Amino acid sequence: MVRVDYNLFLDHAHFFPEDVYLTDETLQWTIVFTHEDDINNRRLIMQVGL
């Protein structure tokens, strides 16, 4: 787990692996960026609790 400012992450996301889980400090929400694509060849992004 790495603590990083959200905007800093967005500016440097290409340095992170393809599967990234973002959450707040309370763990009340999560956004998952995966390496999986849907049937239209678009990247899947899942969110819970937002």
PDB file of N, CA and C in Angstrom:
ATOM      1  N   MET A   1       0.848  -1.159   0.000  1.00  0.00           N
ATOM      2  CA  MET A   1       0.000   0.000   0.000  1.00  0.00           C
ATOM      3  C   MET A   1       0.902   1.232   0.000  1.00  0.00           C
ATOM      4  N   VAL A   2       0.508   2.195  -0.795  1.00  0.00           N
ATOM      5  CA  VAL A   2       1.252   3.443  -0.921  1.00  0.00           C
ATOM      6  C   VAL A   2       0.287   4.600  -0.682  1.00  0.00           C
ATOM      7  N   ARG A   3       0.685   5.540   0.146  1.00  0.00           N
ATOM      8  CA  ARG A   3      -0.128   6.746   0.333  1.00  0.00           C
ATOM      9  C   ARG A   3       0.378   7.796  -0.644  1.00  0.00           C
ATOM     10  N   VAL A   4      -0.543   8.284  -1.476  1.00  0.00           N
ATOM     11  CA  VAL A   4      -0.155   9.264  -2.484  1.00  0.00           C
ATOM     12  C   VAL A   4      -1.336  10.201  -2.739  1.00  0.00           C
ATOM     13  N   ASP A   5      -1.046  11.438  -3.013  1.00  0.00           N
ATOM     14  CA  ASP A   5      -2.062  12.406  -3.387  1.00  0.00           C
ATOM     15  C   ASP A   5      -2.724  11.957  -4.689  1.00  0.00           C
ATOM     16  N   TYR A   6      -4.054  12.088  -4.758  1.00  0.00           N
ATOM     17  CA  TYR A   6      -4.792  11.609  -5.926  1.00  0.00           C
ATOM     18  C   TYR A   6      -4.305  12.253  -7.218  1.00  0.00           C
ATOM     19  N   ASN A   7      -4.109  13.563  -7.215  1.00  0.00           N
ATOM     20  CA  ASN A   7      -3.646  14.240  -8.431  1.00  0.00           C
ATOM     21  C   ASN A   7      -2.234  13.815  -8.804  1.00  0.00           C
ATOM     22  N   LEU A   8      -1.395  13.588  -7.810  1.00  0.00           N
ATOM     23  CA  LEU A   8      -0.052  13.085  -8.077  1.00  0.00           C
ATOM     24  C   LEU A   8      -0.127  11.702  -8.717  1.00  0.00           C
ATOM     25  N   PHE A   9      -1.041  10.871  -8.201  1.00  0.00           N
ATOM     26  CA  PHE A   9      -1.235   9.549  -8.804  1.00  0.00           C
ATOM     27  C   PHE A   9      -1.665   9.673 -10.264  1.00  0.00           C
ATOM     28  N   LEU A  10      -2.652  10.525 -10.523  1.00  0.00           N
ATOM     29  CA  LEU A  10      -3.138  10.678 -11.898  1.00  0.00           C
ATOM     30  C   LEU A  10      -2.034  11.142 -12.836  1.00  0.00           C
ATOM     31  N   ASP A  11      -1.190  12.032 -12.361  1.00  0.00           N
ATOM     32  CA  ASP A  11      -0.095  12.542 -13.188  1.00  0.00           C
ATOM     33  C   ASP A  11       0.976  11.492 -13.462  1.00  0.00           C
ATOM     34  N   HIS A  12       1.059  10.461 -12.604  1.00  0.00           N
ATOM     35  CA  HIS A  12       2.117   9.456 -12.726  1.00  0.00           C
ATOM     36  C   HIS A  12       1.566   8.029 -12.805  1.00  0.00           C
ATOM     37  N   ALA A  13       0.301   7.879 -13.162  1.00  0.00           N
ATOM     38  CA  ALA A  13      -0.341   6.561 -13.184  1.00  0.00           C
ATOM     39  C   ALA A  13       0.370   5.580 -14.109  1.00  0.00           C
ATOM     40  N   HIS A  14       1.012   6.084 -15.140  1.00  0.00           N
ATOM     41  CA  HIS A  14       1.692   5.195 -16.089  1.00  0.00           C
ATOM     42  C   HIS A  14       2.886   4.481 -15.457  1.00  0.00           C
ATOM     43  N   PHE A  15       3.343   4.912 -14.283  1.00  0.00           N
ATOM     44  CA  PHE A  15       4.439   4.237 -13.588  1.00  0.00           C
ATOM     45  C   PHE A  15       3.957   3.066 -12.732  1.00  0.00           C
ATOM     46  N   PHE A  16       2.648   2.990 -12.480  1.00  0.00           N
ATOM     47  CA  PHE A  16       2.081   1.949 -11.634  1.00  0.00           C
ATOM     48  C   PHE A  16       1.718   0.725 -12.474  1.00  0.00           C
ATOM     49  N   PRO A  17       1.579  -0.444 -11.824  1.00  0.00           N
ATOM     50  CA  PRO A  17       1.157  -1.638 -12.569  1.00  0.00           C
ATOM     51  C   PRO A  17      -0.272  -1.469 -13.085  1.00  0.00           C
ATOM     52  N   GLU A  18      -0.690  -2.375 -13.955  1.00  0.00           N
ATOM     53  CA  GLU A  18      -2.019  -2.251 -14.562  1.00  0.00           C
ATOM     54  C   GLU A  18      -3.146  -2.421 -13.557  1.00  0.00           C
ATOM     55  N   ASP A  19      -3.005  -3.306 -12.589  1.00  0.00           N
ATOM     56  CA  ASP A  19      -4.047  -3.521 -11.583  1.00  0.00           C
ATOM     57  C   ASP A  19      -3.763  -2.643 -10.376  1.00  0.00           C
ATOM     58  N   VAL A  20      -4.573  -1.602 -10.188  1.00  0.00           N
ATOM     59  CA  VAL A  20      -4.384  -0.654  -9.093  1.00  0.00           C
ATOM     60  C   VAL A  20      -5.705  -0.528  -8.335  1.00  0.00           C
ATOM     61  N   TYR A  21      -5.626  -0.587  -7.021  1.00  0.00           N
ATOM     62  CA  TYR A  21      -6.777  -0.409  -6.149  1.00  0.00           C
ATOM     63  C   TYR A  21      -6.602   0.908  -5.406  1.00  0.00           C
ATOM     64  N   LEU A  22      -7.542   1.823  -5.568  1.00  0.00           N
ATOM     65  CA  LEU A  22      -7.512   3.110  -4.868  1.00  0.00           C
ATOM     66  C   LEU A  22      -8.590   3.098  -3.790  1.00  0.00           C
ATOM     67  N   THR A  23      -8.261   3.597  -2.612  1.00  0.00           N
ATOM     68  CA  THR A  23      -9.230   3.683  -1.529  1.00  0.00           C
ATOM     69  C   THR A  23      -8.909   4.891  -0.668  1.00  0.00           C
ATOM     70  N   ASP A  24      -9.888   5.322   0.112  1.00  0.00           N
ATOM     71  CA  ASP A  24      -9.620   6.410   1.051  1.00  0.00           C
ATOM     72  C   ASP A  24      -9.101   5.820   2.363  1.00  0.00           C
ATOM     73  N   GLU A  25      -8.705   6.681   3.294  1.00  0.00           N
ATOM     74  CA  GLU A  25      -8.123   6.209   4.550  1.00  0.00           C
ATOM     75  C   GLU A  25      -9.112   5.436   5.410  1.00  0.00           C
ATOM     76  N   THR A  26     -10.408   5.672   5.237  1.00  0.00           N
ATOM     77  CA  THR A  26     -11.417   4.963   6.031  1.00  0.00           C
ATOM     78  C   THR A  26     -11.810   3.630   5.407  1.00  0.00           C
ATOM     79  N   LEU A  27     -11.349   3.366   4.207  1.00  0.00           N
ATOM     80  CA  LEU A  27     -11.685   2.155   3.442  1.00  0.00           C
ATOM     81  C   LEU A  27     -13.181   2.073   3.141  1.00  0.00           C
ATOM     82  N   GLN A  28     -13.845   3.221   3.050  1.00  0.00           N
ATOM     83  CA  GLN A  28     -15.274   3.265   2.761  1.00  0.00           C
ATOM     84  C   GLN A  28     -15.577   3.123   1.275  1.00  0.00           C
ATOM     85  N   TRP A  29     -14.604   3.384   0.420  1.00  0.00           N
ATOM     86  CA  TRP A  29     -14.824   3.248  -1.019  1.00  0.00           C
ATOM     87  C   TRP A  29     -13.553   2.735  -1.679  1.00  0.00           C
ATOM     88  N   THR A  30     -13.727   2.132  -2.827  1.00  0.00           N
ATOM     89  CA  THR A  30     -12.609   1.577  -3.592  1.00  0.00           C
ATOM     90  C   THR A  30     -12.878   1.764  -5.075  1.00  0.00           C
ATOM     91  N   ILE A  31     -11.850   2.112  -5.805  1.00  0.00           N
ATOM     92  CA  ILE A  31     -11.884   2.124  -7.268  1.00  0.00           C
ATOM     93  C   ILE A  31     -10.793   1.172  -7.731  1.00  0.00           C
ATOM     94  N   VAL A  32     -11.135   0.282  -8.657  1.00  0.00           N
ATOM     95  CA  VAL A  32     -10.184  -0.707  -9.141  1.00  0.00           C
ATOM     96  C   VAL A  32      -9.955  -0.493 -10.631  1.00  0.00           C
ATOM     97  N   PHE A  33      -8.714  -0.267 -10.999  1.00  0.00           N
ATOM     98  CA  PHE A  33      -8.314  -0.212 -12.401  1.00  0.00           C
ATOM     99  C   PHE A  33      -7.709  -1.569 -12.736  1.00  0.00           C
ATOM    100  N   THR A  34      -8.242  -2.245 -13.733  1.00  0.00           N
ATOM    101  CA  THR A  34      -7.778  -3.595 -14.058  1.00  0.00           C
ATOM    102  C   THR A  34      -7.138  -3.628 -15.441  1.00  0.00           C
ATOM    103  N   HIS A  35      -6.542  -4.767 -15.739  1.00  0.00           N
ATOM    104  CA  HIS A  35      -5.977  -4.979 -17.067  1.00  0.00           C
ATOM    105  C   HIS A  35      -6.992  -5.664 -17.978  1.00  0.00           C
ATOM    106  N   GLU A  36      -8.210  -5.877 -17.487  1.00  0.00           N
ATOM    107  CA  GLU A  36      -9.247  -6.564 -18.251  1.00  0.00           C
ATOM    108  C   GLU A  36     -10.009  -5.584 -19.132  1.00  0.00           C
ATOM    109  N   ASP A  37     -10.445  -6.056 -20.299  1.00  0.00           N
ATOM    110  CA  ASP A  37     -11.254  -5.263 -21.222  1.00  0.00           C
ATOM    111  C   ASP A  37     -12.636  -5.884 -21.350  1.00  0.00           C
ATOM    112  N   ASP A  38     -13.657  -5.059 -21.640  1.00  0.00           N
ATOM    113  CA  ASP A  38     -14.996  -5.581 -21.862  1.00  0.00           C
ATOM    114  C   ASP A  38     -15.134  -6.059 -23.309  1.00  0.00           C
ATOM    115  N   ILE A  39     -16.343  -6.463 -23.694  1.00  0.00           N
ATOM    116  CA  ILE A  39     -16.530  -7.025 -25.035  1.00  0.00           C
ATOM    117  C   ILE A  39     -16.341  -5.990 -26.141  1.00  0.00           C
ATOM    118  N   ASN A  40     -16.367  -4.697 -25.781  1.00  0.00           N
ATOM    119  CA  ASN A  40     -16.127  -3.629 -26.756  1.00  0.00           C
ATOM    120  C   ASN A  40     -14.687  -3.146 -26.731  1.00  0.00           C
ATOM    121  N   ASN A  41     -13.820  -3.929 -26.067  1.00  0.00           N
ATOM    122  CA  ASN A  41     -12.383  -3.640 -25.977  1.00  0.00           C
ATOM    123  C   ASN A  41     -12.085  -2.352 -25.210  1.00  0.00           C
ATOM    124  N   ARG A  42     -12.958  -2.035 -24.228  1.00  0.00           N
ATOM    125  CA  ARG A  42     -12.723  -0.885 -23.347  1.00  0.00           C
ATOM    126  C   ARG A  42     -12.253  -1.399 -21.994  1.00  0.00           C
ATOM    127  N   ARG A  43     -11.346  -0.680 -21.384  1.00  0.00           N
ATOM    128  CA  ARG A  43     -10.803  -1.069 -20.082  1.00  0.00           C
ATOM    129  C   ARG A  43     -11.894  -1.062 -19.021  1.00  0.00           C
ATOM    130  N   LEU A  44     -11.936  -2.110 -18.192  1.00  0.00           N
ATOM    131  CA  LEU A  44     -12.897  -2.178 -17.099  1.00  0.00           C
ATOM    132  C   LEU A  44     -12.393  -1.367 -15.910  1.00  0.00           C
ATOM    133  N   ILE A  45     -13.247  -0.556 -15.353  1.00  0.00           N
ATOM    134  CA  ILE A  45     -12.964   0.183 -14.121  1.00  0.00           C
ATOM    135  C   ILE A  45     -14.150  -0.061 -13.195  1.00  0.00           C
ATOM    136  N   MET A  46     -13.878  -0.606 -12.008  1.00  0.00           N
ATOM    137  CA  MET A  46     -14.937  -0.931 -11.060  1.00  0.00           C
ATOM    138  C   MET A  46     -14.866   0.014  -9.871  1.00  0.00           C
ATOM    139  N   GLN A  47     -16.027   0.326  -9.298  1.00  0.00           N
ATOM    140  CA  GLN A  47     -16.047   1.158  -8.101  1.00  0.00           C
ATOM    141  C   GLN A  47     -17.076   0.604  -7.130  1.00  0.00           C
ATOM    142  N   VAL A  48     -16.787   0.752  -5.841  1.00  0.00           N
ATOM    143  CA  VAL A  48     -17.684   0.309  -4.781  1.00  0.00           C
ATOM    144  C   VAL A  48     -17.736   1.398  -3.728  1.00  0.00           C
ATOM    145  N   GLY A  49     -18.918   1.748  -3.281  1.00  0.00           N
ATOM    146  CA  GLY A  49     -19.076   2.672  -2.169  1.00  0.00           C
ATOM    147  C   GLY A  49     -19.062   4.141  -2.529  1.00  0.00           C
ATOM    148  N   LEU A  50     -18.979   4.488  -3.798  1.00  0.00           N
ATOM    149  CA  LEU A  50     -18.976   5.904  -4.183  1.00  0.00           C
ATOM    150  C   LEU A  50     -20.379   6.379  -4.462  1.00  0.00           C
TER     151      LEU A  50
END
